[in-house]
Amino acid sequence: MGRPKALIEWRGRPFFMHCSARASDAGCAPVVVVWGATALPEGAASLVHNPTWWDGPLSSLQAGLRAVVPSGPSAVLVLTVDRPHVQADTLEQLLAAHAAAPAHVVQPEYERRRGHPIVLPASLLNDVLALPPTDTLRSVVGRSDVVRTFVHVEDAAVRDNLDTPDDLRRLPA
């Protein structure tokens, strides 16, 4: 993108503020935003710095988990900053599915394809923290002993990674 995704403006606010507001509106608390190379301005969420951000996305997730695990959450909603357009209803559906099956990983599905964000149950958080930071979340959620619940949603954003300027042009006005 040539600039930090978290700070890209859409509808008058940076991506990270859209994501944190959606999570908060869905009832998630605390909401933690992890930053790496570029500091983020203060907002409604708690900001956590990942000093080893270059190790990859899992290292940022682990930094966020270290900030929330001590509070004993029943689960963690993992919403990446490149999905500021995920619908509020999608988050509500995922959290309702978690409430119905609190030990399952909950993941959205759009047009028979799995997407993000996902809900990680508390029982897996330490397993994610134990991974080498250069690994991927799939090493835990893809295990044969992990049960996943897939929630059909009418939200193409769950499959939409915003990685290029052309991708940004697809965002709804």
N, C-alpha and C. Protein backbone atom coordinates (compact mmCIF):
# COMPACT_ATOMS: atom_id res chain seq x y z
N MET A 1 0.82 -1.20 0.00
CA MET A 1 0.00 0.00 0.00
C MET A 1 0.86 1.26 0.00
N GLY A 2 2.10 1.15 0.45
CA GLY A 2 2.97 2.31 0.52
C GLY A 2 2.76 3.16 1.76
N ARG A 3 1.86 2.72 2.64
CA ARG A 3 1.57 3.43 3.89
C ARG A 3 0.91 2.43 4.84
N PRO A 4 0.91 2.71 6.13
CA PRO A 4 0.31 1.77 7.07
C PRO A 4 -1.20 1.62 6.84
N LYS A 5 -1.64 0.39 6.68
CA LYS A 5 -3.07 0.14 6.45
C LYS A 5 -3.93 0.71 7.56
N ALA A 6 -3.47 0.59 8.77
CA ALA A 6 -4.28 1.03 9.92
C ALA A 6 -4.65 2.50 9.82
N LEU A 7 -3.82 3.29 9.14
CA LEU A 7 -4.05 4.74 9.07
C LEU A 7 -4.72 5.20 7.78
N ILE A 8 -5.04 4.27 6.90
CA ILE A 8 -5.72 4.65 5.66
C ILE A 8 -7.12 5.17 6.02
N GLU A 9 -7.45 6.31 5.45
CA GLU A 9 -8.74 6.95 5.73
C GLU A 9 -9.83 6.36 4.83
N TRP A 10 -10.96 6.09 5.46
CA TRP A 10 -12.17 5.65 4.75
C TRP A 10 -13.36 6.22 5.51
N ARG A 11 -14.22 6.88 4.80
CA ARG A 11 -15.40 7.49 5.42
C ARG A 11 -15.02 8.40 6.60
N GLY A 12 -13.91 9.12 6.43
CA GLY A 12 -13.53 10.13 7.41
C GLY A 12 -12.77 9.65 8.63
N ARG A 13 -12.47 8.35 8.70
CA ARG A 13 -11.72 7.83 9.84
C ARG A 13 -10.71 6.79 9.35
N PRO A 14 -9.62 6.60 10.11
CA PRO A 14 -8.65 5.56 9.74
C PRO A 14 -9.25 4.16 9.93
N PHE A 15 -8.74 3.22 9.15
CA PHE A 15 -9.22 1.84 9.21
C PHE A 15 -9.30 1.31 10.64
N PHE A 16 -8.24 1.55 11.43
CA PHE A 16 -8.23 0.94 12.77
C PHE A 16 -9.38 1.45 13.63
N MET A 17 -9.81 2.68 13.41
CA MET A 17 -10.93 3.21 14.19
C MET A 17 -12.26 2.56 13.77
N HIS A 18 -12.41 2.29 12.48
CA HIS A 18 -13.61 1.57 12.03
C HIS A 18 -13.68 0.20 12.69
N CYS A 19 -12.54 -0.50 12.65
CA CYS A 19 -12.51 -1.86 13.20
C CYS A 19 -12.76 -1.87 14.71
N SER A 20 -12.11 -0.97 15.42
CA SER A 20 -12.28 -0.96 16.88
C SER A 20 -13.71 -0.54 17.25
N ALA A 21 -14.30 0.39 16.51
CA ALA A 21 -15.68 0.79 16.79
C ALA A 21 -16.64 -0.36 16.53
N ARG A 22 -16.42 -1.11 15.44
CA ARG A 22 -17.30 -2.25 15.15
C ARG A 22 -17.22 -3.29 16.26
N ALA A 23 -16.01 -3.58 16.71
CA ALA A 23 -15.85 -4.58 17.78
C ALA A 23 -16.52 -4.10 19.07
N SER A 24 -16.31 -2.85 19.40
CA SER A 24 -16.91 -2.30 20.61
C SER A 24 -18.44 -2.30 20.52
N ASP A 25 -18.97 -1.87 19.38
CA ASP A 25 -20.43 -1.86 19.18
C ASP A 25 -21.04 -3.25 19.27
N ALA A 26 -20.25 -4.27 18.91
CA ALA A 26 -20.73 -5.66 18.97
C ALA A 26 -20.68 -6.21 20.39
N GLY A 27 -20.09 -5.44 21.33
CA GLY A 27 -20.04 -5.87 22.72
C GLY A 27 -18.71 -6.41 23.17
N CYS A 28 -17.69 -6.32 22.34
CA CYS A 28 -16.37 -6.79 22.73
C CYS A 28 -15.72 -5.80 23.69
N ALA A 29 -15.12 -6.33 24.73
CA ALA A 29 -14.41 -5.48 25.69
C ALA A 29 -13.42 -6.36 26.45
N PRO A 30 -12.21 -5.92 26.59
CA PRO A 30 -11.66 -4.70 26.03
C PRO A 30 -11.39 -4.85 24.54
N VAL A 31 -11.31 -3.74 23.84
CA VAL A 31 -10.91 -3.74 22.43
C VAL A 31 -9.45 -3.29 22.41
N VAL A 32 -8.62 -4.12 21.81
CA VAL A 32 -7.18 -3.86 21.75
C VAL A 32 -6.77 -3.74 20.29
N VAL A 33 -6.03 -2.70 19.98
CA VAL A 33 -5.48 -2.51 18.64
C VAL A 33 -3.97 -2.62 18.76
N VAL A 34 -3.39 -3.48 17.95
CA VAL A 34 -1.94 -3.69 17.97
C VAL A 34 -1.31 -2.89 16.84
N TRP A 35 -0.27 -2.17 17.17
CA TRP A 35 0.47 -1.42 16.16
C TRP A 35 1.92 -1.87 16.14
N GLY A 36 2.57 -1.62 15.01
CA GLY A 36 3.95 -2.07 14.86
C GLY A 36 4.89 -0.96 14.51
N ALA A 37 5.16 -0.77 13.22
CA ALA A 37 6.16 0.19 12.78
C ALA A 37 5.75 1.64 12.99
N THR A 38 4.46 1.91 12.90
CA THR A 38 3.97 3.28 12.99
C THR A 38 2.99 3.41 14.14
N ALA A 39 3.26 4.33 15.04
CA ALA A 39 2.36 4.54 16.18
C ALA A 39 1.01 5.03 15.69
N LEU A 40 -0.03 4.62 16.39
CA LEU A 40 -1.39 5.03 16.06
C LEU A 40 -1.84 6.11 17.03
N PRO A 41 -2.71 7.02 16.58
CA PRO A 41 -3.23 8.02 17.50
C PRO A 41 -4.17 7.37 18.50
N GLU A 42 -4.28 7.96 19.66
CA GLU A 42 -5.17 7.44 20.70
C GLU A 42 -6.60 7.43 20.17
N GLY A 43 -7.35 6.44 20.57
CA GLY A 43 -8.75 6.33 20.18
C GLY A 43 -9.51 5.65 21.29
N ALA A 44 -10.61 5.04 20.93
CA ALA A 44 -11.45 4.39 21.93
C ALA A 44 -10.87 3.07 22.41
N ALA A 45 -9.96 2.50 21.66
CA ALA A 45 -9.39 1.19 21.99
C ALA A 45 -8.08 1.35 22.75
N SER A 46 -7.69 0.28 23.42
CA SER A 46 -6.36 0.23 24.04
C SER A 46 -5.35 -0.07 22.95
N LEU A 47 -4.28 0.67 22.94
CA LEU A 47 -3.23 0.45 21.95
C LEU A 47 -2.11 -0.37 22.57
N VAL A 48 -1.68 -1.38 21.83
CA VAL A 48 -0.60 -2.26 22.27
C VAL A 48 0.47 -2.24 21.19
N HIS A 49 1.71 -2.01 21.59
CA HIS A 49 2.80 -2.00 20.62
C HIS A 49 3.40 -3.40 20.47
N ASN A 50 3.61 -3.81 19.23
CA ASN A 50 4.31 -5.05 18.93
C ASN A 50 5.70 -4.66 18.42
N PRO A 51 6.72 -4.72 19.29
CA PRO A 51 8.05 -4.30 18.87
C PRO A 51 8.69 -5.24 17.85
N THR A 52 8.14 -6.43 17.67
CA THR A 52 8.68 -7.38 16.69
C THR A 52 7.68 -7.59 15.55
N TRP A 53 7.02 -6.53 15.12
CA TRP A 53 6.00 -6.59 14.08
C TRP A 53 6.52 -7.22 12.79
N TRP A 54 7.79 -7.10 12.52
CA TRP A 54 8.36 -7.65 11.28
C TRP A 54 8.32 -9.18 11.27
N ASP A 55 8.08 -9.81 12.43
CA ASP A 55 7.97 -11.27 12.46
C ASP A 55 6.70 -11.77 11.80
N GLY A 56 5.75 -10.89 11.55
CA GLY A 56 4.55 -11.28 10.83
C GLY A 56 3.27 -11.10 11.64
N PRO A 57 2.14 -11.38 10.99
CA PRO A 57 0.83 -11.15 11.61
C PRO A 57 0.62 -11.90 12.92
N LEU A 58 1.15 -13.12 13.03
CA LEU A 58 0.94 -13.86 14.27
C LEU A 58 1.60 -13.15 15.44
N SER A 59 2.74 -12.53 15.22
CA SER A 59 3.41 -11.84 16.33
C SER A 59 2.54 -10.68 16.84
N SER A 60 1.80 -10.04 15.94
CA SER A 60 0.90 -8.96 16.37
C SER A 60 -0.29 -9.53 17.13
N LEU A 61 -0.84 -10.64 16.66
CA LEU A 61 -1.93 -11.28 17.38
C LEU A 61 -1.46 -11.68 18.78
N GLN A 62 -0.28 -12.23 18.87
CA GLN A 62 0.25 -12.64 20.17
C GLN A 62 0.43 -11.44 21.10
N ALA A 63 0.87 -10.30 20.58
CA ALA A 63 0.99 -9.09 21.41
C ALA A 63 -0.38 -8.69 21.95
N GLY A 64 -1.39 -8.76 21.11
CA GLY A 64 -2.74 -8.43 21.56
C GLY A 64 -3.25 -9.43 22.58
N LEU A 65 -2.99 -10.71 22.36
CA LEU A 65 -3.43 -11.74 23.32
C LEU A 65 -2.77 -11.56 24.67
N ARG A 66 -1.48 -11.23 24.68
CA ARG A 66 -0.79 -11.01 25.96
C ARG A 66 -1.45 -9.87 26.75
N ALA A 67 -2.05 -8.94 26.04
CA ALA A 67 -2.71 -7.82 26.72
C ALA A 67 -4.08 -8.20 27.28
N VAL A 68 -4.75 -9.18 26.67
CA VAL A 68 -6.12 -9.50 27.11
C VAL A 68 -6.25 -10.79 27.90
N VAL A 69 -5.35 -11.74 27.72
CA VAL A 69 -5.47 -13.03 28.41
C VAL A 69 -5.55 -12.88 29.93
N PRO A 70 -4.78 -11.98 30.55
CA PRO A 70 -4.89 -11.86 32.01
C PRO A 70 -6.30 -11.50 32.51
N SER A 71 -7.12 -10.88 31.67
CA SER A 71 -8.48 -10.51 32.11
C SER A 71 -9.45 -11.68 32.02
N GLY A 72 -9.01 -12.82 31.48
CA GLY A 72 -9.83 -14.03 31.45
C GLY A 72 -11.01 -13.99 30.50
N PRO A 73 -10.79 -13.60 29.24
CA PRO A 73 -11.92 -13.55 28.30
C PRO A 73 -12.44 -14.95 27.98
N SER A 74 -13.72 -15.04 27.62
CA SER A 74 -14.28 -16.33 27.18
C SER A 74 -13.83 -16.64 25.76
N ALA A 75 -13.43 -15.60 25.03
CA ALA A 75 -12.97 -15.74 23.66
C ALA A 75 -12.36 -14.42 23.22
N VAL A 76 -11.73 -14.46 22.06
CA VAL A 76 -11.15 -13.26 21.46
C VAL A 76 -11.62 -13.19 20.01
N LEU A 77 -12.20 -12.05 19.65
CA LEU A 77 -12.55 -11.78 18.26
C LEU A 77 -11.32 -11.21 17.60
N VAL A 78 -10.86 -11.84 16.53
CA VAL A 78 -9.67 -11.39 15.80
C VAL A 78 -10.15 -10.73 14.51
N LEU A 79 -10.07 -9.42 14.47
CA LEU A 79 -10.52 -8.63 13.32
C LEU A 79 -9.32 -7.87 12.78
N THR A 80 -8.88 -8.23 11.59
CA THR A 80 -7.71 -7.57 11.01
C THR A 80 -8.08 -6.20 10.48
N VAL A 81 -7.12 -5.31 10.49
CA VAL A 81 -7.35 -3.91 10.14
C VAL A 81 -7.72 -3.73 8.67
N ASP A 82 -7.43 -4.73 7.84
CA ASP A 82 -7.75 -4.58 6.42
C ASP A 82 -9.18 -5.02 6.08
N ARG A 83 -10.03 -5.04 7.09
CA ARG A 83 -11.45 -5.33 6.87
C ARG A 83 -12.32 -4.31 7.61
N PRO A 84 -12.14 -3.02 7.34
CA PRO A 84 -12.93 -2.02 8.06
C PRO A 84 -14.39 -2.02 7.64
N HIS A 85 -14.68 -2.70 6.55
CA HIS A 85 -16.02 -2.71 5.98
C HIS A 85 -16.83 -3.95 6.35
N VAL A 86 -16.31 -4.79 7.24
CA VAL A 86 -17.09 -5.93 7.72
C VAL A 86 -18.34 -5.38 8.40
N GLN A 87 -19.47 -5.97 8.09
CA GLN A 87 -20.75 -5.48 8.62
C GLN A 87 -20.90 -5.79 10.11
N ALA A 88 -21.54 -4.89 10.81
CA ALA A 88 -21.80 -5.08 12.24
C ALA A 88 -22.59 -6.36 12.47
N ASP A 89 -23.53 -6.66 11.60
CA ASP A 89 -24.34 -7.87 11.72
C ASP A 89 -23.48 -9.13 11.67
N THR A 90 -22.42 -9.09 10.88
CA THR A 90 -21.52 -10.24 10.79
C THR A 90 -20.87 -10.51 12.14
N LEU A 91 -20.38 -9.46 12.79
CA LEU A 91 -19.76 -9.64 14.10
C LEU A 91 -20.77 -10.16 15.10
N GLU A 92 -21.97 -9.65 15.06
CA GLU A 92 -23.01 -10.11 15.98
C GLU A 92 -23.33 -11.59 15.77
N GLN A 93 -23.38 -12.03 14.51
CA GLN A 93 -23.62 -13.44 14.21
C GLN A 93 -22.49 -14.33 14.74
N LEU A 94 -21.26 -13.87 14.57
CA LEU A 94 -20.12 -14.66 15.04
C LEU A 94 -20.13 -14.77 16.56
N LEU A 95 -20.42 -13.66 17.23
CA LEU A 95 -20.45 -13.69 18.69
C LEU A 95 -21.61 -14.52 19.21
N ALA A 96 -22.75 -14.51 18.52
CA ALA A 96 -23.88 -15.36 18.91
C ALA A 96 -23.51 -16.83 18.74
N ALA A 97 -22.81 -17.15 17.68
CA ALA A 97 -22.37 -18.54 17.47
C ALA A 97 -21.39 -18.95 18.56
N HIS A 98 -20.53 -18.04 18.98
CA HIS A 98 -19.61 -18.34 20.09
C HIS A 98 -20.40 -18.61 21.37
N ALA A 99 -21.41 -17.79 21.64
CA ALA A 99 -22.21 -17.98 22.85
C ALA A 99 -22.90 -19.35 22.85
N ALA A 100 -23.29 -19.81 21.66
CA ALA A 100 -23.95 -21.12 21.55
C ALA A 100 -22.97 -22.29 21.62
N ALA A 101 -21.72 -22.05 21.26
CA ALA A 101 -20.70 -23.11 21.25
C ALA A 101 -19.38 -22.51 21.73
N PRO A 102 -19.25 -22.22 23.04
CA PRO A 102 -18.10 -21.45 23.54
C PRO A 102 -16.74 -22.13 23.41
N ALA A 103 -16.69 -23.41 23.13
CA ALA A 103 -15.40 -24.08 22.98
C ALA A 103 -14.95 -24.17 21.52
N HIS A 104 -15.78 -23.68 20.60
CA HIS A 104 -15.46 -23.79 19.17
C HIS A 104 -14.77 -22.53 18.65
N VAL A 105 -13.94 -22.72 17.63
CA VAL A 105 -13.47 -21.60 16.84
C VAL A 105 -14.65 -21.25 15.92
N VAL A 106 -14.98 -19.98 15.83
CA VAL A 106 -16.10 -19.54 15.00
C VAL A 106 -15.54 -18.71 13.85
N GLN A 107 -15.98 -19.07 12.66
CA GLN A 107 -15.44 -18.42 11.46
C GLN A 107 -16.57 -18.18 10.47
N PRO A 108 -16.57 -17.01 9.80
CA PRO A 108 -17.61 -16.75 8.81
C PRO A 108 -17.34 -17.48 7.50
N GLU A 109 -18.41 -17.67 6.77
CA GLU A 109 -18.34 -18.31 5.47
C GLU A 109 -19.22 -17.50 4.52
N TYR A 110 -18.65 -17.12 3.40
CA TYR A 110 -19.39 -16.38 2.39
C TYR A 110 -19.21 -17.09 1.06
N GLU A 111 -20.32 -17.43 0.42
CA GLU A 111 -20.29 -18.16 -0.85
C GLU A 111 -19.40 -19.40 -0.76
N ARG A 112 -19.58 -20.14 0.33
CA ARG A 112 -18.88 -21.40 0.58
C ARG A 112 -17.37 -21.26 0.76
N ARG A 113 -16.92 -20.06 1.04
CA ARG A 113 -15.49 -19.83 1.29
C ARG A 113 -15.33 -19.21 2.65
N ARG A 114 -14.40 -19.72 3.41
CA ARG A 114 -14.15 -19.25 4.77
C ARG A 114 -13.42 -17.92 4.75
N GLY A 115 -13.68 -17.12 5.79
CA GLY A 115 -13.07 -15.80 5.84
C GLY A 115 -12.73 -15.38 7.25
N HIS A 116 -12.66 -14.07 7.43
CA HIS A 116 -12.31 -13.45 8.70
C HIS A 116 -13.29 -12.32 8.96
N PRO A 117 -13.50 -11.94 10.18
CA PRO A 117 -12.76 -12.24 11.40
C PRO A 117 -13.14 -13.61 11.97
N ILE A 118 -12.36 -14.06 12.93
CA ILE A 118 -12.67 -15.32 13.60
C ILE A 118 -12.74 -15.07 15.11
N VAL A 119 -13.41 -16.00 15.77
CA VAL A 119 -13.50 -15.97 17.23
C VAL A 119 -12.72 -17.16 17.76
N LEU A 120 -11.73 -16.87 18.59
CA LEU A 120 -10.91 -17.92 19.22
C LEU A 120 -11.40 -18.14 20.64
N PRO A 121 -11.74 -19.38 21.00
CA PRO A 121 -12.17 -19.64 22.38
C PRO A 121 -10.99 -19.54 23.35
N ALA A 122 -11.30 -19.25 24.59
CA ALA A 122 -10.26 -19.10 25.62
C ALA A 122 -9.37 -20.33 25.71
N SER A 123 -9.91 -21.50 25.47
CA SER A 123 -9.14 -22.74 25.59
C SER A 123 -7.97 -22.82 24.62
N LEU A 124 -7.97 -22.00 23.57
CA LEU A 124 -6.89 -22.05 22.58
C LEU A 124 -5.91 -20.89 22.66
N LEU A 125 -6.20 -19.92 23.50
CA LEU A 125 -5.37 -18.71 23.52
C LEU A 125 -3.93 -19.00 23.91
N ASN A 126 -3.71 -19.84 24.90
CA ASN A 126 -2.32 -20.16 25.29
C ASN A 126 -1.61 -20.97 24.21
N ASP A 127 -2.36 -21.79 23.47
CA ASP A 127 -1.75 -22.53 22.35
C ASP A 127 -1.26 -21.56 21.27
N VAL A 128 -2.05 -20.52 21.01
CA VAL A 128 -1.64 -19.52 20.03
C VAL A 128 -0.42 -18.76 20.54
N LEU A 129 -0.41 -18.44 21.81
CA LEU A 129 0.75 -17.73 22.38
C LEU A 129 2.02 -18.57 22.34
N ALA A 130 1.88 -19.89 22.37
CA ALA A 130 3.05 -20.77 22.39
C ALA A 130 3.67 -20.98 21.01
N LEU A 131 3.00 -20.57 19.95
CA LEU A 131 3.54 -20.74 18.60
C LEU A 131 4.74 -19.83 18.37
N PRO A 132 5.68 -20.25 17.53
CA PRO A 132 6.73 -19.32 17.13
C PRO A 132 6.07 -18.14 16.39
N PRO A 133 6.50 -16.92 16.63
CA PRO A 133 5.82 -15.76 16.06
C PRO A 133 5.81 -15.72 14.54
N THR A 134 6.66 -16.49 13.89
CA THR A 134 6.68 -16.51 12.43
C THR A 134 5.74 -17.58 11.86
N ASP A 135 5.07 -18.32 12.74
CA ASP A 135 4.12 -19.35 12.33
C ASP A 135 2.81 -18.66 11.91
N THR A 136 1.76 -19.46 11.71
CA THR A 136 0.45 -18.90 11.39
C THR A 136 -0.59 -19.47 12.33
N LEU A 137 -1.70 -18.77 12.43
CA LEU A 137 -2.81 -19.19 13.27
C LEU A 137 -3.35 -20.55 12.83
N ARG A 138 -3.19 -20.89 11.57
CA ARG A 138 -3.67 -22.19 11.06
C ARG A 138 -3.06 -23.37 11.82
N SER A 139 -1.87 -23.17 12.37
CA SER A 139 -1.23 -24.25 13.12
C SER A 139 -2.06 -24.67 14.33
N VAL A 140 -2.87 -23.78 14.84
CA VAL A 140 -3.76 -24.12 15.96
C VAL A 140 -5.16 -24.42 15.47
N VAL A 141 -5.76 -23.51 14.70
CA VAL A 141 -7.16 -23.71 14.32
C VAL A 141 -7.35 -24.86 13.34
N GLY A 142 -6.29 -25.27 12.67
CA GLY A 142 -6.39 -26.37 11.73
C GLY A 142 -6.13 -27.75 12.33
N ARG A 143 -5.85 -27.79 13.63
CA ARG A 143 -5.58 -29.09 14.27
C ARG A 143 -6.83 -29.97 14.26
N SER A 144 -6.62 -31.27 14.27
CA SER A 144 -7.75 -32.21 14.23
C SER A 144 -8.58 -32.19 15.51
N ASP A 145 -8.01 -31.76 16.61
CA ASP A 145 -8.77 -31.72 17.86
C ASP A 145 -9.54 -30.41 18.07
N VAL A 146 -9.42 -29.48 17.14
CA VAL A 146 -10.10 -28.19 17.25
C VAL A 146 -11.41 -28.26 16.46
N VAL A 147 -12.49 -27.90 17.14
CA VAL A 147 -13.80 -27.90 16.50
C VAL A 147 -14.09 -26.49 16.02
N ARG A 148 -14.50 -26.40 14.74
CA ARG A 148 -14.82 -25.09 14.18
C ARG A 148 -16.30 -25.05 13.79
N THR A 149 -16.90 -23.91 14.06
CA THR A 149 -18.26 -23.64 13.63
C THR A 149 -18.19 -22.58 12.54
N PHE A 150 -18.80 -22.87 11.41
CA PHE A 150 -18.81 -21.92 10.30
C PHE A 150 -20.19 -21.29 10.23
N VAL A 151 -20.20 -19.97 10.16
CA VAL A 151 -21.44 -19.20 10.14
C VAL A 151 -21.59 -18.59 8.75
N HIS A 152 -22.68 -18.97 8.06
CA HIS A 152 -22.93 -18.38 6.75
C HIS A 152 -23.35 -16.92 6.94
N VAL A 153 -22.67 -16.02 6.25
CA VAL A 153 -22.99 -14.59 6.32
C VAL A 153 -23.17 -14.05 4.91
N GLU A 154 -23.94 -13.00 4.81
CA GLU A 154 -24.12 -12.28 3.54
C GLU A 154 -23.25 -11.02 3.58
N ASP A 155 -21.95 -11.24 3.65
CA ASP A 155 -21.01 -10.13 3.82
C ASP A 155 -19.72 -10.48 3.08
N ALA A 156 -19.59 -9.98 1.87
CA ALA A 156 -18.40 -10.28 1.05
C ALA A 156 -17.12 -9.79 1.70
N ALA A 157 -17.21 -8.83 2.61
CA ALA A 157 -16.01 -8.28 3.25
C ALA A 157 -15.23 -9.34 4.02
N VAL A 158 -15.87 -10.42 4.45
CA VAL A 158 -15.15 -11.45 5.21
C VAL A 158 -14.12 -12.16 4.33
N ARG A 159 -14.23 -12.03 3.02
CA ARG A 159 -13.29 -12.64 2.08
C ARG A 159 -12.39 -11.61 1.42
N ASP A 160 -12.51 -10.36 1.80
CA ASP A 160 -11.91 -9.25 1.09
C ASP A 160 -10.69 -8.71 1.81
N ASN A 161 -9.49 -9.09 1.38
CA ASN A 161 -8.26 -8.49 1.91
C ASN A 161 -7.99 -7.22 1.12
N LEU A 162 -7.77 -6.15 1.82
CA LEU A 162 -7.44 -4.88 1.17
C LEU A 162 -5.92 -4.72 1.20
N ASP A 163 -5.28 -5.11 0.11
CA ASP A 163 -3.82 -5.13 0.08
C ASP A 163 -3.19 -4.19 -0.93
N THR A 164 -3.99 -3.68 -1.88
CA THR A 164 -3.44 -2.83 -2.93
C THR A 164 -4.32 -1.59 -3.11
N PRO A 165 -3.79 -0.56 -3.76
CA PRO A 165 -4.62 0.61 -4.05
C PRO A 165 -5.87 0.24 -4.87
N ASP A 166 -5.76 -0.73 -5.77
CA ASP A 166 -6.94 -1.17 -6.52
C ASP A 166 -8.00 -1.75 -5.59
N ASP A 167 -7.56 -2.47 -4.56
CA ASP A 167 -8.51 -3.02 -3.59
C ASP A 167 -9.26 -1.89 -2.88
N LEU A 168 -8.58 -0.82 -2.58
CA LEU A 168 -9.22 0.31 -1.89
C LEU A 168 -10.34 0.91 -2.73
N ARG A 169 -10.16 0.89 -4.04
CA ARG A 169 -11.19 1.45 -4.91
C ARG A 169 -12.48 0.64 -4.89
N ARG A 170 -12.40 -0.60 -4.42
CA ARG A 170 -13.61 -1.44 -4.33
C ARG A 170 -14.44 -1.15 -3.09
N LEU A 171 -13.87 -0.43 -2.12
CA LEU A 171 -14.61 -0.13 -0.90
C LEU A 171 -15.86 0.68 -1.22
N PRO A 172 -16.97 0.37 -0.56
CA PRO A 172 -18.16 1.19 -0.78
C PRO A 172 -17.93 2.63 -0.31
N ALA A 173 -18.50 3.56 -1.05
CA ALA A 173 -18.31 5.00 -0.73
C ALA A 173 -18.87 5.34 0.63
